[in-house]
Amino acid sequence: MAAGQKRNTLVYAQAKKALDQMKYEISRELNIDTSPIQGDYWGYMTARDCGAIGGHMVKRMIEAAERTLAQQTAQNVQAGFRAGLAGQNQQQTQPNPNLNLSNLDQQY
C-alpha cells in the first residue's frame, strides 16, 4: 500500500505517539529488527513480524481495558456499599413513622 493510501484512521489522534512508542517497545521485546523501517513506512517488514507486533499491541490494549473495567467495577461496588451503609445508618437514627409507641400502650 502506498504512503498516500492509508485508510485506517485513529479515533483519538493524540494517541498516535503512544501507539508508535508501544509498537517499537514491543518490537524490541520480541527481538524483531526494525531497521527496514523508513520513516513511518513499515512496508519492508515481513507480514509475520508486523502481525506479531500488532497482535501483542492488541493483547496489551485488551489487558489494559480489562484492568480499567475491573477497577471501575470495584470502585462502583465500594461506592454502592458505602451508600448502602450510609442509608442504613440514617434509617437507624430516624424513628420509624409507622411505629407510634403511644398507641401501643392504649391497645394493650
PDB file of N, CA and C in Angstrom:
ATOM      1  N   MET A   1       0.846  -1.156   0.000  1.00  0.00           N
ATOM      2  CA  MET A   1       0.000   0.000   0.000  1.00  0.00           C
ATOM      3  C   MET A   1       0.897   1.225   0.000  1.00  0.00           C
ATOM      4  N   ALA A   2       0.668   2.145  -0.880  1.00  0.00           N
ATOM      5  CA  ALA A   2       1.489   3.351  -0.973  1.00  0.00           C
ATOM      6  C   ALA A   2       1.207   4.270   0.210  1.00  0.00           C
ATOM      7  N   ALA A   3       2.115   5.218   0.428  1.00  0.00           N
ATOM      8  CA  ALA A   3       2.014   6.087   1.594  1.00  0.00           C
ATOM      9  C   ALA A   3       0.754   6.945   1.579  1.00  0.00           C
ATOM     10  N   GLY A   4       0.226   7.296   0.434  1.00  0.00           N
ATOM     11  CA  GLY A   4      -0.950   8.153   0.355  1.00  0.00           C
ATOM     12  C   GLY A   4      -2.259   7.407   0.435  1.00  0.00           C
ATOM     13  N   GLN A   5      -2.237   6.091   0.597  1.00  0.00           N
ATOM     14  CA  GLN A   5      -3.462   5.301   0.588  1.00  0.00           C
ATOM     15  C   GLN A   5      -3.832   4.727   1.954  1.00  0.00           C
ATOM     16  N   LYS A   6      -3.403   5.367   2.994  1.00  0.00           N
ATOM     17  CA  LYS A   6      -3.701   4.855   4.330  1.00  0.00           C
ATOM     18  C   LYS A   6      -5.183   5.050   4.622  1.00  0.00           C
ATOM     19  N   ARG A   7      -5.880   3.972   4.943  1.00  0.00           N
ATOM     20  CA  ARG A   7      -7.324   4.021   5.138  1.00  0.00           C
ATOM     21  C   ARG A   7      -7.727   4.023   6.604  1.00  0.00           C
ATOM     22  N   ASN A   8      -6.951   3.399   7.444  1.00  0.00           N
ATOM     23  CA  ASN A   8      -7.355   3.339   8.848  1.00  0.00           C
ATOM     24  C   ASN A   8      -6.929   4.624   9.556  1.00  0.00           C
ATOM     25  N   THR A   9      -7.864   5.221  10.264  1.00  0.00           N
ATOM     26  CA  THR A   9      -7.586   6.459  10.977  1.00  0.00           C
ATOM     27  C   THR A   9      -7.770   6.219  12.470  1.00  0.00           C
ATOM     28  N   LEU A  10      -7.050   6.986  13.248  1.00  0.00           N
ATOM     29  CA  LEU A  10      -7.138   6.863  14.698  1.00  0.00           C
ATOM     30  C   LEU A  10      -8.385   7.568  15.202  1.00  0.00           C
ATOM     31  N   VAL A  11      -9.045   6.988  16.166  1.00  0.00           N
ATOM     32  CA  VAL A  11     -10.204   7.622  16.781  1.00  0.00           C
ATOM     33  C   VAL A  11      -9.732   8.827  17.583  1.00  0.00           C
ATOM     34  N   TYR A  12      -8.641   8.667  18.298  1.00  0.00           N
ATOM     35  CA  TYR A  12      -8.032   9.749  19.059  1.00  0.00           C
ATOM     36  C   TYR A  12      -6.641  10.009  18.482  1.00  0.00           C
ATOM     37  N   ALA A  13      -6.505  11.092  17.756  1.00  0.00           N
ATOM     38  CA  ALA A  13      -5.236  11.401  17.113  1.00  0.00           C
ATOM     39  C   ALA A  13      -4.119  11.616  18.137  1.00  0.00           C
ATOM     40  N   GLN A  14      -4.479  12.008  19.356  1.00  0.00           N
ATOM     41  CA  GLN A  14      -3.480  12.235  20.400  1.00  0.00           C
ATOM     42  C   GLN A  14      -2.795  10.934  20.804  1.00  0.00           C
ATOM     43  N   ALA A  15      -3.388   9.800  20.477  1.00  0.00           N
ATOM     44  CA  ALA A  15      -2.830   8.504  20.874  1.00  0.00           C
ATOM     45  C   ALA A  15      -1.751   8.015  19.916  1.00  0.00           C
ATOM     46  N   LYS A  16      -1.552   8.675  18.808  1.00  0.00           N
ATOM     47  CA  LYS A  16      -0.604   8.204  17.798  1.00  0.00           C
ATOM     48  C   LYS A  16       0.807   8.037  18.365  1.00  0.00           C
ATOM     49  N   LYS A  17       1.269   9.022  19.100  1.00  0.00           N
ATOM     50  CA  LYS A  17       2.624   8.952  19.643  1.00  0.00           C
ATOM     51  C   LYS A  17       2.761   7.775  20.609  1.00  0.00           C
ATOM     52  N   ALA A  18       1.768   7.583  21.465  1.00  0.00           N
ATOM     53  CA  ALA A  18       1.818   6.477  22.426  1.00  0.00           C
ATOM     54  C   ALA A  18       1.756   5.134  21.711  1.00  0.00           C
ATOM     55  N   LEU A  19       0.934   5.017  20.670  1.00  0.00           N
ATOM     56  CA  LEU A  19       0.849   3.763  19.923  1.00  0.00           C
ATOM     57  C   LEU A  19       2.158   3.464  19.189  1.00  0.00           C
ATOM     58  N   ASP A  20       2.770   4.501  18.609  1.00  0.00           N
ATOM     59  CA  ASP A  20       4.065   4.294  17.949  1.00  0.00           C
ATOM     60  C   ASP A  20       5.124   3.849  18.952  1.00  0.00           C
ATOM     61  N   GLN A  21       5.120   4.473  20.120  1.00  0.00           N
ATOM     62  CA  GLN A  21       6.073   4.097  21.167  1.00  0.00           C
ATOM     63  C   GLN A  21       5.847   2.649  21.586  1.00  0.00           C
ATOM     64  N   MET A  22       4.587   2.258  21.732  1.00  0.00           N
ATOM     65  CA  MET A  22       4.261   0.881  22.103  1.00  0.00           C
ATOM     66  C   MET A  22       4.735  -0.090  21.026  1.00  0.00           C
ATOM     67  N   LYS A  23       4.552   0.296  19.778  1.00  0.00           N
ATOM     68  CA  LYS A  23       4.938  -0.554  18.647  1.00  0.00           C
ATOM     69  C   LYS A  23       6.441  -0.855  18.685  1.00  0.00           C
ATOM     70  N   TYR A  24       7.235   0.175  18.890  1.00  0.00           N
ATOM     71  CA  TYR A  24       8.688  -0.029  18.928  1.00  0.00           C
ATOM     72  C   TYR A  24       9.119  -0.769  20.194  1.00  0.00           C
ATOM     73  N   GLU A  25       8.451  -0.498  21.300  1.00  0.00           N
ATOM     74  CA  GLU A  25       8.759  -1.194  22.552  1.00  0.00           C
ATOM     75  C   GLU A  25       8.503  -2.694  22.408  1.00  0.00           C
ATOM     76  N   ILE A  26       7.382  -3.054  21.829  1.00  0.00           N
ATOM     77  CA  ILE A  26       7.044  -4.466  21.643  1.00  0.00           C
ATOM     78  C   ILE A  26       8.004  -5.118  20.662  1.00  0.00           C
ATOM     79  N   SER A  27       8.388  -4.402  19.613  1.00  0.00           N
ATOM     80  CA  SER A  27       9.325  -4.984  18.642  1.00  0.00           C
ATOM     81  C   SER A  27      10.677  -5.272  19.305  1.00  0.00           C
ATOM     82  N   ARG A  28      11.091  -4.398  20.230  1.00  0.00           N
ATOM     83  CA  ARG A  28      12.345  -4.660  20.961  1.00  0.00           C
ATOM     84  C   ARG A  28      12.192  -5.881  21.863  1.00  0.00           C
ATOM     85  N   GLU A  29      11.040  -5.984  22.550  1.00  0.00           N
ATOM     86  CA  GLU A  29      10.818  -7.123  23.445  1.00  0.00           C
ATOM     87  C   GLU A  29      10.784  -8.441  22.680  1.00  0.00           C
ATOM     88  N   LEU A  30      10.258  -8.408  21.452  1.00  0.00           N
ATOM     89  CA  LEU A  30      10.166  -9.626  20.642  1.00  0.00           C
ATOM     90  C   LEU A  30      11.431  -9.860  19.813  1.00  0.00           C
ATOM     91  N   ASN A  31      12.426  -9.013  19.995  1.00  0.00           N
ATOM     92  CA  ASN A  31      13.694  -9.087  19.248  1.00  0.00           C
ATOM     93  C   ASN A  31      13.458  -9.061  17.736  1.00  0.00           C
ATOM     94  N   ILE A  32      12.572  -8.183  17.302  1.00  0.00           N
ATOM     95  CA  ILE A  32      12.297  -8.016  15.880  1.00  0.00           C
ATOM     96  C   ILE A  32      13.094  -6.825  15.388  1.00  0.00           C
ATOM     97  N   ASP A  33      13.840  -7.038  14.314  1.00  0.00           N
ATOM     98  CA  ASP A  33      14.690  -5.998  13.734  1.00  0.00           C
ATOM     99  C   ASP A  33      13.817  -4.956  13.038  1.00  0.00           C
ATOM    100  N   THR A  34      13.896  -3.707  13.499  1.00  0.00           N
ATOM    101  CA  THR A  34      13.108  -2.637  12.890  1.00  0.00           C
ATOM    102  C   THR A  34      13.940  -1.766  11.964  1.00  0.00           C
ATOM    103  N   SER A  35      15.136  -2.220  11.594  1.00  0.00           N
ATOM    104  CA  SER A  35      15.985  -1.417  10.706  1.00  0.00           C
ATOM    105  C   SER A  35      15.393  -1.214   9.313  1.00  0.00           C
ATOM    106  N   PRO A  36      14.559  -2.137   8.780  1.00  0.00           N
ATOM    107  CA  PRO A  36      13.982  -1.876   7.462  1.00  0.00           C
ATOM    108  C   PRO A  36      12.944  -0.745   7.441  1.00  0.00           C
ATOM    109  N   ILE A  37      12.521  -0.283   8.594  1.00  0.00           N
ATOM    110  CA  ILE A  37      11.500   0.767   8.646  1.00  0.00           C
ATOM    111  C   ILE A  37      12.127   2.076   8.194  1.00  0.00           C
ATOM    112  N   GLN A  38      11.470   2.718   7.254  1.00  0.00           N
ATOM    113  CA  GLN A  38      11.949   4.003   6.747  1.00  0.00           C
ATOM    114  C   GLN A  38      10.894   5.060   7.065  1.00  0.00           C
ATOM    115  N   GLY A  39      11.214   5.931   7.998  1.00  0.00           N
ATOM    116  CA  GLY A  39      10.246   6.927   8.438  1.00  0.00           C
ATOM    117  C   GLY A  39       9.107   6.246   9.158  1.00  0.00           C
ATOM    118  N   ASP A  40       7.914   6.358   8.582  1.00  0.00           N
ATOM    119  CA  ASP A  40       6.748   5.708   9.165  1.00  0.00           C
ATOM    120  C   ASP A  40       6.263   4.572   8.270  1.00  0.00           C
ATOM    121  N   TYR A  41       7.079   4.166   7.342  1.00  0.00           N
ATOM    122  CA  TYR A  41       6.703   3.136   6.372  1.00  0.00           C
ATOM    123  C   TYR A  41       7.241   1.783   6.808  1.00  0.00           C
ATOM    124  N   TRP A  42       6.336   0.853   7.089  1.00  0.00           N
ATOM    125  CA  TRP A  42       6.689  -0.472   7.550  1.00  0.00           C
ATOM    126  C   TRP A  42       6.597  -1.499   6.432  1.00  0.00           C
ATOM    127  N   GLY A  43       6.500  -1.076   5.196  1.00  0.00           N
ATOM    128  CA  GLY A  43       6.287  -1.974   4.067  1.00  0.00           C
ATOM    129  C   GLY A  43       7.416  -2.941   3.798  1.00  0.00           C
ATOM    130  N   TYR A  44       8.599  -2.656   4.273  1.00  0.00           N
ATOM    131  CA  TYR A  44       9.728  -3.554   4.052  1.00  0.00           C
ATOM    132  C   TYR A  44       9.864  -4.607   5.157  1.00  0.00           C
ATOM    133  N   MET A  45       8.985  -4.535   6.142  1.00  0.00           N
ATOM    134  CA  MET A  45       8.971  -5.535   7.212  1.00  0.00           C
ATOM    135  C   MET A  45       8.166  -6.743   6.738  1.00  0.00           C
ATOM    136  N   THR A  46       8.453  -7.914   7.276  1.00  0.00           N
ATOM    137  CA  THR A  46       7.680  -9.099   6.900  1.00  0.00           C
ATOM    138  C   THR A  46       6.295  -9.032   7.543  1.00  0.00           C
ATOM    139  N   ALA A  47       5.336  -9.646   6.891  1.00  0.00           N
ATOM    140  CA  ALA A  47       3.974  -9.665   7.416  1.00  0.00           C
ATOM    141  C   ALA A  47       3.927 -10.399   8.756  1.00  0.00           C
ATOM    142  N   ARG A  48       4.753 -11.410   8.888  1.00  0.00           N
ATOM    143  CA  ARG A  48       4.783 -12.169  10.142  1.00  0.00           C
ATOM    144  C   ARG A  48       5.236 -11.281  11.303  1.00  0.00           C
ATOM    145  N   ASP A  49       6.295 -10.498  11.083  1.00  0.00           N
ATOM    146  CA  ASP A  49       6.791  -9.616  12.141  1.00  0.00           C
ATOM    147  C   ASP A  49       5.774  -8.521  12.475  1.00  0.00           C
ATOM    148  N   CYS A  50       5.199  -7.908  11.459  1.00  0.00           N
ATOM    149  CA  CYS A  50       4.201  -6.860  11.700  1.00  0.00           C
ATOM    150  C   CYS A  50       2.979  -7.436  12.412  1.00  0.00           C
ATOM    151  N   GLY A  51       2.577  -8.626  12.025  1.00  0.00           N
ATOM    152  CA  GLY A  51       1.437  -9.266  12.673  1.00  0.00           C
ATOM    153  C   GLY A  51       1.717  -9.592  14.123  1.00  0.00           C
ATOM    154  N   ALA A  52       2.933 -10.032  14.409  1.00  0.00           N
ATOM    155  CA  ALA A  52       3.302 -10.335  15.796  1.00  0.00           C
ATOM    156  C   ALA A  52       3.266  -9.073  16.648  1.00  0.00           C
ATOM    157  N   ILE A  53       3.797  -8.000  16.107  1.00  0.00           N
ATOM    158  CA  ILE A  53       3.808  -6.734  16.846  1.00  0.00           C
ATOM    159  C   ILE A  53       2.379  -6.247  17.060  1.00  0.00           C
ATOM    160  N   GLY A  54       1.579  -6.260  15.996  1.00  0.00           N
ATOM    161  CA  GLY A  54       0.190  -5.810  16.106  1.00  0.00           C
ATOM    162  C   GLY A  54      -0.614  -6.677  17.053  1.00  0.00           C
ATOM    163  N   GLY A  55      -0.387  -7.977  17.006  1.00  0.00           N
ATOM    164  CA  GLY A  55      -1.099  -8.878  17.904  1.00  0.00           C
ATOM    165  C   GLY A  55      -0.775  -8.623  19.360  1.00  0.00           C
ATOM    166  N   HIS A  56       0.490  -8.379  19.650  1.00  0.00           N
ATOM    167  CA  HIS A  56       0.883  -8.085  21.029  1.00  0.00           C
ATOM    168  C   HIS A  56       0.344  -6.724  21.474  1.00  0.00           C
ATOM    169  N   MET A  57       0.268  -5.770  20.537  1.00  0.00           N
ATOM    170  CA  MET A  57      -0.315  -4.461  20.870  1.00  0.00           C
ATOM    171  C   MET A  57      -1.782  -4.625  21.269  1.00  0.00           C
ATOM    172  N   VAL A  58      -2.516  -5.381  20.494  1.00  0.00           N
ATOM    173  CA  VAL A  58      -3.937  -5.608  20.784  1.00  0.00           C
ATOM    174  C   VAL A  58      -4.088  -6.331  22.124  1.00  0.00           C
ATOM    175  N   LYS A  59      -3.250  -7.319  22.364  1.00  0.00           N
ATOM    176  CA  LYS A  59      -3.307  -8.066  23.618  1.00  0.00           C
ATOM    177  C   LYS A  59      -3.102  -7.126  24.808  1.00  0.00           C
ATOM    178  N   ARG A  60      -2.127  -6.241  24.719  1.00  0.00           N
ATOM    179  CA  ARG A  60      -1.864  -5.307  25.815  1.00  0.00           C
ATOM    180  C   ARG A  60      -3.000  -4.310  25.992  1.00  0.00           C
ATOM    181  N   MET A  61      -3.563  -3.841  24.883  1.00  0.00           N
ATOM    182  CA  MET A  61      -4.663  -2.883  24.993  1.00  0.00           C
ATOM    183  C   MET A  61      -5.891  -3.537  25.619  1.00  0.00           C
ATOM    184  N   ILE A  62      -6.152  -4.795  25.291  1.00  0.00           N
ATOM    185  CA  ILE A  62      -7.279  -5.507  25.893  1.00  0.00           C
ATOM    186  C   ILE A  62      -7.027  -5.711  27.387  1.00  0.00           C
ATOM    187  N   GLU A  63      -5.800  -6.080  27.756  1.00  0.00           N
ATOM    188  CA  GLU A  63      -5.473  -6.240  29.171  1.00  0.00           C
ATOM    189  C   GLU A  63      -5.664  -4.936  29.930  1.00  0.00           C
ATOM    190  N   ALA A  64      -5.233  -3.821  29.318  1.00  0.00           N
ATOM    191  CA  ALA A  64      -5.390  -2.516  29.967  1.00  0.00           C
ATOM    192  C   ALA A  64      -6.865  -2.158  30.122  1.00  0.00           C
ATOM    193  N   ALA A  65      -7.670  -2.437  29.099  1.00  0.00           N
ATOM    194  CA  ALA A  65      -9.105  -2.146  29.176  1.00  0.00           C
ATOM    195  C   ALA A  65      -9.770  -3.010  30.241  1.00  0.00           C
ATOM    196  N   GLU A  66      -9.418  -4.285  30.305  1.00  0.00           N
ATOM    197  CA  GLU A  66      -9.989  -5.166  31.323  1.00  0.00           C
ATOM    198  C   GLU A  66      -9.601  -4.714  32.727  1.00  0.00           C
ATOM    199  N   ARG A  67      -8.350  -4.308  32.882  1.00  0.00           N
ATOM    200  CA  ARG A  67      -7.885  -3.835  34.187  1.00  0.00           C
ATOM    201  C   ARG A  67      -8.662  -2.573  34.595  1.00  0.00           C
ATOM    202  N   THR A  68      -8.870  -1.667  33.648  1.00  0.00           N
ATOM    203  CA  THR A  68      -9.611  -0.439  33.925  1.00  0.00           C
ATOM    204  C   THR A  68     -11.054  -0.745  34.288  1.00  0.00           C
ATOM    205  N   LEU A  69     -11.680  -1.653  33.550  1.00  0.00           N
ATOM    206  CA  LEU A  69     -13.065  -2.034  33.858  1.00  0.00           C
ATOM    207  C   LEU A  69     -13.173  -2.680  35.232  1.00  0.00           C
ATOM    208  N   ALA A  70     -12.207  -3.519  35.565  1.00  0.00           N
ATOM    209  CA  ALA A  70     -12.229  -4.171  36.874  1.00  0.00           C
ATOM    210  C   ALA A  70     -12.083  -3.139  37.990  1.00  0.00           C
ATOM    211  N   GLN A  71     -11.210  -2.155  37.794  1.00  0.00           N
ATOM    212  CA  GLN A  71     -11.028  -1.110  38.802  1.00  0.00           C
ATOM    213  C   GLN A  71     -12.291  -0.267  38.943  1.00  0.00           C
ATOM    214  N   GLN A  72     -12.916   0.073  37.804  1.00  0.00           N
ATOM    215  CA  GLN A  72     -14.146   0.861  37.853  1.00  0.00           C
ATOM    216  C   GLN A  72     -15.254   0.082  38.549  1.00  0.00           C
ATOM    217  N   THR A  73     -15.354  -1.194  38.257  1.00  0.00           N
ATOM    218  CA  THR A  73     -16.380  -2.018  38.891  1.00  0.00           C
ATOM    219  C   THR A  73     -16.154  -2.088  40.395  1.00  0.00           C
ATOM    220  N   ALA A  74     -14.909  -2.270  40.794  1.00  0.00           N
ATOM    221  CA  ALA A  74     -14.601  -2.326  42.226  1.00  0.00           C
ATOM    222  C   ALA A  74     -14.944  -1.006  42.899  1.00  0.00           C
ATOM    223  N   GLN A  75     -14.648   0.102  42.238  1.00  0.00           N
ATOM    224  CA  GLN A  75     -14.973   1.410  42.808  1.00  0.00           C
ATOM    225  C   GLN A  75     -16.482   1.602  42.911  1.00  0.00           C
ATOM    226  N   ASN A  76     -17.222   1.161  41.891  1.00  0.00           N
ATOM    227  CA  ASN A  76     -18.682   1.281  41.928  1.00  0.00           C
ATOM    228  C   ASN A  76     -19.280   0.424  43.037  1.00  0.00           C
ATOM    229  N   VAL A  77     -18.743  -0.773  43.221  1.00  0.00           N
ATOM    230  CA  VAL A  77     -19.233  -1.647  44.290  1.00  0.00           C
ATOM    231  C   VAL A  77     -18.951  -1.019  45.643  1.00  0.00           C
ATOM    232  N   GLN A  78     -17.753  -0.476  45.815  1.00  0.00           N
ATOM    233  CA  GLN A  78     -17.409   0.156  47.084  1.00  0.00           C
ATOM    234  C   GLN A  78     -18.301   1.373  47.338  1.00  0.00           C
ATOM    235  N   ALA A  79     -18.546   2.167  46.291  1.00  0.00           N
ATOM    236  CA  ALA A  79     -19.408   3.344  46.453  1.00  0.00           C
ATOM    237  C   ALA A  79     -20.832   2.921  46.797  1.00  0.00           C
ATOM    238  N   GLY A  80     -21.323   1.872  46.155  1.00  0.00           N
ATOM    239  CA  GLY A  80     -22.654   1.372  46.466  1.00  0.00           C
ATOM    240  C   GLY A  80     -22.745   0.831  47.878  1.00  0.00           C
ATOM    241  N   PHE A  81     -21.712   0.149  48.303  1.00  0.00           N
ATOM    242  CA  PHE A  81     -21.675  -0.395  49.657  1.00  0.00           C
ATOM    243  C   PHE A  81     -21.688   0.735  50.682  1.00  0.00           C
ATOM    244  N   ARG A  82     -20.875   1.777  50.400  1.00  0.00           N
ATOM    245  CA  ARG A  82     -20.841   2.922  51.319  1.00  0.00           C
ATOM    246  C   ARG A  82     -22.191   3.625  51.356  1.00  0.00           C
ATOM    247  N   ALA A  83     -22.816   3.779  50.190  1.00  0.00           N
ATOM    248  CA  ALA A  83     -24.131   4.427  50.139  1.00  0.00           C
ATOM    249  C   ALA A  83     -25.154   3.586  50.895  1.00  0.00           C
ATOM    250  N   GLY A  84     -25.068   2.280  50.767  1.00  0.00           N
ATOM    251  CA  GLY A  84     -25.973   1.402  51.494  1.00  0.00           C
ATOM    252  C   GLY A  84     -25.779   1.504  52.987  1.00  0.00           C
ATOM    253  N   LEU A  85     -24.525   1.566  53.413  1.00  0.00           N
ATOM    254  CA  LEU A  85     -24.255   1.717  54.846  1.00  0.00           C
ATOM    255  C   LEU A  85     -24.739   3.064  55.354  1.00  0.00           C
ATOM    256  N   ALA A  86     -24.533   4.103  54.566  1.00  0.00           N
ATOM    257  CA  ALA A  86     -24.985   5.435  54.977  1.00  0.00           C
ATOM    258  C   ALA A  86     -26.505   5.454  55.079  1.00  0.00           C
ATOM    259  N   GLY A  87     -27.183   4.793  54.150  1.00  0.00           N
ATOM    260  CA  GLY A  87     -28.642   4.721  54.185  1.00  0.00           C
ATOM    261  C   GLY A  87     -29.128   3.943  55.400  1.00  0.00           C
ATOM    262  N   GLN A  88     -28.412   2.874  55.743  1.00  0.00           N
ATOM    263  CA  GLN A  88     -28.785   2.073  56.923  1.00  0.00           C
ATOM    264  C   GLN A  88     -28.618   2.891  58.191  1.00  0.00           C
ATOM    265  N   ASN A  89     -27.531   3.641  58.274  1.00  0.00           N
ATOM    266  CA  ASN A  89     -27.279   4.453  59.469  1.00  0.00           C
ATOM    267  C   ASN A  89     -28.344   5.528  59.625  1.00  0.00           C
ATOM    268  N   GLN A  90     -28.776   6.125  58.518  1.00  0.00           N
ATOM    269  CA  GLN A  90     -29.820   7.149  58.585  1.00  0.00           C
ATOM    270  C   GLN A  90     -31.140   6.543  59.020  1.00  0.00           C
ATOM    271  N   GLN A  91     -31.431   5.344  58.527  1.00  0.00           N
ATOM    272  CA  GLN A  91     -32.683   4.699  58.896  1.00  0.00           C
ATOM    273  C   GLN A  91     -32.697   4.321  60.365  1.00  0.00           C
ATOM    274  N   GLN A  92     -31.540   3.947  60.898  1.00  0.00           N
ATOM    275  CA  GLN A  92     -31.473   3.540  62.301  1.00  0.00           C
ATOM    276  C   GLN A  92     -31.600   4.740  63.230  1.00  0.00           C
ATOM    277  N   THR A  93     -31.111   5.900  62.829  1.00  0.00           N
ATOM    278  CA  THR A  93     -31.162   7.070  63.698  1.00  0.00           C
ATOM    279  C   THR A  93     -32.502   7.779  63.619  1.00  0.00           C
ATOM    280  N   GLN A  94     -33.212   7.657  62.509  1.00  0.00           N
ATOM    281  CA  GLN A  94     -34.517   8.305  62.376  1.00  0.00           C
ATOM    282  C   GLN A  94     -35.600   7.346  62.864  1.00  0.00           C
ATOM    283  N   PRO A  95     -36.549   7.848  63.630  1.00  0.00           N
ATOM    284  CA  PRO A  95     -37.618   6.963  64.111  1.00  0.00           C
ATOM    285  C   PRO A  95     -38.513   6.535  62.950  1.00  0.00           C
ATOM    286  N   ASN A  96     -39.054   5.377  63.090  1.00  0.00           N
ATOM    287  CA  ASN A  96     -39.951   4.835  62.086  1.00  0.00           C
ATOM    288  C   ASN A  96     -41.297   5.536  62.212  1.00  0.00           C
ATOM    289  N   PRO A  97     -41.789   6.217  61.171  1.00  0.00           N
ATOM    290  CA  PRO A  97     -43.062   6.936  61.296  1.00  0.00           C
ATOM    291  C   PRO A  97     -44.251   5.993  61.451  1.00  0.00           C
ATOM    292  N   ASN A  98     -44.120   4.752  61.069  1.00  0.00           N
ATOM    293  CA  ASN A  98     -45.216   3.794  61.191  1.00  0.00           C
ATOM    294  C   ASN A  98     -45.351   3.228  62.611  1.00  0.00           C
ATOM    295  N   LEU A  99     -44.337   3.449  63.413  1.00  0.00           N
ATOM    296  CA  LEU A  99     -44.337   2.916  64.775  1.00  0.00           C
ATOM    297  C   LEU A  99     -44.671   4.039  65.749  1.00  0.00           C
ATOM    298  N   ASN A 100     -45.834   3.995  66.295  1.00  0.00           N
ATOM    299  CA  ASN A 100     -46.271   5.011  67.246  1.00  0.00           C
ATOM    300  C   ASN A 100     -46.416   4.341  68.605  1.00  0.00           C
ATOM    301  N   LEU A 101     -45.503   4.601  69.517  1.00  0.00           N
ATOM    302  CA  LEU A 101     -45.478   3.921  70.803  1.00  0.00           C
ATOM    303  C   LEU A 101     -46.617   4.342  71.715  1.00  0.00           C
ATOM    304  N   SER A 102     -47.119   5.539  71.559  1.00  0.00           N
ATOM    305  CA  SER A 102     -48.214   5.976  72.432  1.00  0.00           C
ATOM    306  C   SER A 102     -49.489   5.178  72.147  1.00  0.00           C
ATOM    307  N   ASN A 103     -49.715   4.802  70.908  1.00  0.00           N
ATOM    308  CA  ASN A 103     -50.879   3.980  70.582  1.00  0.00           C
ATOM    309  C   ASN A 103     -50.700   2.550  71.043  1.00  0.00           C
ATOM    310  N   LEU A 104     -49.488   2.124  71.170  1.00  0.00           N
ATOM    311  CA  LEU A 104     -49.204   0.755  71.575  1.00  0.00           C
ATOM    312  C   LEU A 104     -49.706   0.484  72.985  1.00  0.00           C
ATOM    313  N   ASP A 105     -49.501   1.409  73.898  1.00  0.00           N
ATOM    314  CA  ASP A 105     -49.952   1.243  75.283  1.00  0.00           C
ATOM    315  C   ASP A 105     -51.486   1.236  75.350  1.00  0.00           C
ATOM    316  N   GLN A 106     -52.127   2.012  74.532  1.00  0.00           N
ATOM    317  CA  GLN A 106     -53.562   2.110  74.596  1.00  0.00           C
ATOM    318  C   GLN A 106     -54.249   0.828  74.103  1.00  0.00           C
ATOM    319  N   GLN A 107     -53.617   0.139  73.181  1.00  0.00           N
ATOM    320  CA  GLN A 107     -54.226  -1.064  72.608  1.00  0.00           C
ATOM    321  C   GLN A 107     -54.124  -2.243  73.559  1.00  0.00           C
ATOM    322  N   TYR A 108     -53.157  -2.281  74.438  1.00  0.00           N
ATOM    323  CA  TYR A 108     -52.960  -3.459  75.297  1.00  0.00           C
ATOM    324  C   TYR A 108     -53.319  -3.139  76.687  1.00  0.00           C
TER     325      TYR A 108
END
